[in-house]
Amino acid sequence: MDFDINRASFHKRTRFKPFNIDKFIEPIGLESKQEGVLVFEIGNKHYGLLTKQMIYHHVANGQIDDEAFMISF
């Protein structure tokens, strides 16, 4: 999927503080079966972020295998 610049919205100030991710841990299991997870794939490997964190931050960014990523919600 290509980035569509026409759908981007640029602001001088960020409206929400980005969720900066510096590491992922291996999932052992969710604390609750009702915990929502936003799942994404990079390089044929799946990663997950808690939905309740993304509802607050709206944007998560970091690096995986020296490759920058940004997830928005």
N, C-alpha and C. Protein backbone atom coordinates (compact mmCIF):
# COMPACT_ATOMS: atom_id res chain seq x y z
N MET A 1 0.85 -1.17 0.00
CA MET A 1 0.00 0.00 0.00
C MET A 1 0.90 1.24 0.00
N ASP A 2 0.62 2.16 -0.89
CA ASP A 2 1.39 3.40 -0.98
C ASP A 2 0.79 4.46 -0.07
N PHE A 3 1.63 5.40 0.34
CA PHE A 3 1.18 6.52 1.15
C PHE A 3 0.51 7.55 0.24
N ASP A 4 -0.70 7.94 0.60
CA ASP A 4 -1.45 8.93 -0.18
C ASP A 4 -1.34 10.29 0.51
N ILE A 5 -0.51 11.17 -0.02
CA ILE A 5 -0.26 12.49 0.58
C ILE A 5 -1.54 13.32 0.66
N ASN A 6 -2.51 13.06 -0.20
CA ASN A 6 -3.77 13.82 -0.18
C ASN A 6 -4.62 13.50 1.04
N ARG A 7 -4.36 12.38 1.70
CA ARG A 7 -5.12 12.03 2.90
C ARG A 7 -4.44 12.49 4.18
N ALA A 8 -3.25 13.05 4.08
CA ALA A 8 -2.49 13.49 5.25
C ALA A 8 -3.01 14.83 5.77
N SER A 9 -2.89 15.02 7.06
CA SER A 9 -3.30 16.26 7.70
C SER A 9 -2.12 16.75 8.54
N PHE A 10 -1.58 17.91 8.20
CA PHE A 10 -0.39 18.42 8.87
C PHE A 10 -0.75 19.58 9.79
N HIS A 11 -0.15 19.57 10.98
CA HIS A 11 -0.38 20.63 11.96
C HIS A 11 0.97 21.08 12.51
N LYS A 12 1.06 22.34 12.93
CA LYS A 12 2.31 22.84 13.52
C LYS A 12 2.56 22.22 14.88
N ARG A 13 1.49 21.93 15.62
CA ARG A 13 1.60 21.29 16.93
C ARG A 13 0.88 19.94 16.88
N THR A 14 1.42 18.98 17.60
CA THR A 14 0.72 17.70 17.66
C THR A 14 -0.45 17.82 18.62
N ARG A 15 -1.54 17.21 18.27
CA ARG A 15 -2.72 17.25 19.12
C ARG A 15 -2.64 16.22 20.24
N PHE A 16 -1.95 15.14 19.98
CA PHE A 16 -1.81 14.06 20.95
C PHE A 16 -0.34 13.70 21.07
N LYS A 17 0.07 13.31 22.27
CA LYS A 17 1.45 12.90 22.48
C LYS A 17 1.66 11.53 21.85
N PRO A 18 2.60 11.39 20.90
CA PRO A 18 2.85 10.08 20.28
C PRO A 18 3.31 9.05 21.31
N PHE A 19 2.96 7.81 21.08
CA PHE A 19 3.34 6.68 21.91
C PHE A 19 4.64 6.14 21.34
N ASN A 20 5.78 6.51 21.94
CA ASN A 20 7.08 6.10 21.45
C ASN A 20 7.42 4.71 21.99
N ILE A 21 7.60 3.77 21.10
CA ILE A 21 7.86 2.39 21.48
C ILE A 21 9.33 2.09 21.23
N ASP A 22 10.02 1.64 22.28
CA ASP A 22 11.44 1.33 22.10
C ASP A 22 11.73 -0.17 22.15
N LYS A 23 10.73 -0.98 22.55
CA LYS A 23 10.93 -2.43 22.50
C LYS A 23 9.59 -3.14 22.58
N PHE A 24 9.56 -4.35 22.07
CA PHE A 24 8.41 -5.23 22.16
C PHE A 24 8.82 -6.42 22.99
N ILE A 25 7.88 -7.03 23.68
CA ILE A 25 8.16 -8.25 24.42
C ILE A 25 7.35 -9.38 23.80
N GLU A 26 7.80 -10.60 24.02
CA GLU A 26 7.06 -11.75 23.52
C GLU A 26 5.76 -11.87 24.30
N PRO A 27 4.65 -12.03 23.59
CA PRO A 27 3.38 -12.13 24.30
C PRO A 27 3.26 -13.44 25.07
N ILE A 28 2.82 -13.34 26.31
CA ILE A 28 2.59 -14.51 27.13
C ILE A 28 1.10 -14.82 27.15
N GLY A 29 0.29 -13.80 27.01
CA GLY A 29 -1.15 -13.94 27.04
C GLY A 29 -1.73 -12.63 27.53
N LEU A 30 -2.96 -12.39 27.18
CA LEU A 30 -3.59 -11.14 27.60
C LEU A 30 -4.05 -11.26 29.04
N GLU A 31 -3.98 -10.15 29.75
CA GLU A 31 -4.43 -10.12 31.14
C GLU A 31 -5.92 -10.44 31.23
N SER A 32 -6.66 -9.99 30.27
CA SER A 32 -8.10 -10.20 30.26
C SER A 32 -8.53 -10.54 28.84
N LYS A 33 -9.48 -11.42 28.72
CA LYS A 33 -9.97 -11.76 27.38
C LYS A 33 -10.73 -10.61 26.75
N GLN A 34 -11.03 -9.59 27.54
CA GLN A 34 -11.76 -8.44 27.02
C GLN A 34 -10.82 -7.29 26.65
N GLU A 35 -9.54 -7.51 26.74
CA GLU A 35 -8.54 -6.49 26.40
C GLU A 35 -8.42 -6.39 24.88
N GLY A 36 -8.70 -5.22 24.30
CA GLY A 36 -8.59 -5.04 22.87
C GLY A 36 -7.15 -4.85 22.43
N VAL A 37 -6.81 -5.41 21.28
CA VAL A 37 -5.44 -5.32 20.76
C VAL A 37 -5.50 -4.89 19.30
N LEU A 38 -4.67 -3.93 18.94
CA LEU A 38 -4.50 -3.50 17.56
C LEU A 38 -3.28 -4.26 17.02
N VAL A 39 -3.49 -5.10 16.02
CA VAL A 39 -2.43 -5.96 15.49
C VAL A 39 -1.96 -5.42 14.15
N PHE A 40 -0.64 -5.42 13.95
CA PHE A 40 -0.07 -5.01 12.67
C PHE A 40 1.07 -5.95 12.30
N GLU A 41 1.44 -5.94 11.04
CA GLU A 41 2.46 -6.86 10.53
C GLU A 41 3.58 -6.07 9.87
N ILE A 42 4.80 -6.43 10.22
CA ILE A 42 5.99 -5.86 9.57
C ILE A 42 6.93 -7.03 9.31
N GLY A 43 7.32 -7.18 8.05
CA GLY A 43 8.27 -8.24 7.70
C GLY A 43 7.78 -9.63 8.05
N ASN A 44 6.51 -9.93 7.80
CA ASN A 44 5.91 -11.24 8.07
C ASN A 44 5.88 -11.61 9.55
N LYS A 45 6.02 -10.62 10.44
CA LYS A 45 5.92 -10.85 11.87
C LYS A 45 4.83 -9.94 12.42
N HIS A 46 3.99 -10.47 13.29
CA HIS A 46 2.88 -9.71 13.85
C HIS A 46 3.27 -9.08 15.19
N TYR A 47 2.76 -7.87 15.41
CA TYR A 47 2.98 -7.12 16.64
C TYR A 47 1.63 -6.62 17.11
N GLY A 48 1.52 -6.31 18.39
CA GLY A 48 0.25 -5.83 18.91
C GLY A 48 0.43 -4.67 19.87
N LEU A 49 -0.53 -3.78 19.86
CA LEU A 49 -0.58 -2.64 20.78
C LEU A 49 -1.94 -2.66 21.47
N LEU A 50 -1.97 -2.32 22.74
CA LEU A 50 -3.24 -2.29 23.45
C LEU A 50 -4.11 -1.16 22.91
N THR A 51 -5.34 -1.51 22.61
CA THR A 51 -6.27 -0.52 22.06
C THR A 51 -6.46 0.65 23.01
N LYS A 52 -6.52 0.39 24.33
CA LYS A 52 -6.73 1.49 25.28
C LYS A 52 -5.56 2.49 25.26
N GLN A 53 -4.36 2.04 24.97
CA GLN A 53 -3.23 2.97 24.83
C GLN A 53 -3.36 3.78 23.54
N MET A 54 -3.77 3.12 22.47
CA MET A 54 -3.89 3.80 21.19
C MET A 54 -5.06 4.79 21.18
N ILE A 55 -6.12 4.52 21.94
CA ILE A 55 -7.23 5.46 22.04
C ILE A 55 -6.74 6.79 22.60
N TYR A 56 -5.81 6.74 23.54
CA TYR A 56 -5.26 7.96 24.13
C TYR A 56 -4.25 8.63 23.20
N HIS A 57 -3.29 7.86 22.71
CA HIS A 57 -2.17 8.44 21.94
C HIS A 57 -2.51 8.68 20.47
N HIS A 58 -3.29 7.83 19.85
CA HIS A 58 -3.68 7.89 18.44
C HIS A 58 -2.54 7.57 17.49
N VAL A 59 -1.30 7.76 17.90
CA VAL A 59 -0.14 7.49 17.04
C VAL A 59 0.91 6.75 17.85
N ALA A 60 1.46 5.69 17.29
CA ALA A 60 2.59 4.98 17.90
C ALA A 60 3.71 4.94 16.87
N ASN A 61 4.92 5.11 17.34
CA ASN A 61 6.05 5.05 16.42
C ASN A 61 7.26 4.44 17.12
N GLY A 62 8.18 3.94 16.33
CA GLY A 62 9.40 3.33 16.86
C GLY A 62 10.20 2.73 15.73
N GLN A 63 11.03 1.73 16.08
CA GLN A 63 11.84 1.04 15.09
C GLN A 63 11.79 -0.45 15.33
N ILE A 64 11.72 -1.21 14.26
CA ILE A 64 11.81 -2.66 14.30
C ILE A 64 12.86 -3.06 13.28
N ASP A 65 13.89 -3.77 13.75
CA ASP A 65 14.99 -4.18 12.87
C ASP A 65 15.56 -3.00 12.10
N ASP A 66 15.81 -1.89 12.81
CA ASP A 66 16.38 -0.66 12.23
C ASP A 66 15.50 -0.03 11.16
N GLU A 67 14.23 -0.39 11.13
CA GLU A 67 13.26 0.18 10.19
C GLU A 67 12.23 0.99 10.98
N ALA A 68 12.09 2.27 10.67
CA ALA A 68 11.12 3.11 11.37
C ALA A 68 9.70 2.72 10.99
N PHE A 69 8.79 2.80 11.97
CA PHE A 69 7.38 2.56 11.71
C PHE A 69 6.53 3.59 12.42
N MET A 70 5.30 3.77 11.92
CA MET A 70 4.32 4.65 12.53
C MET A 70 2.96 3.99 12.32
N ILE A 71 2.22 3.85 13.42
CA ILE A 71 0.87 3.28 13.39
C ILE A 71 -0.09 4.34 13.89
N SER A 72 -1.18 4.57 13.18
CA SER A 72 -2.17 5.55 13.65
C SER A 72 -3.52 4.86 13.84
N PHE A 73 -4.30 5.43 14.75
CA PHE A 73 -5.58 4.83 15.11
C PHE A 73 -6.63 5.90 15.17
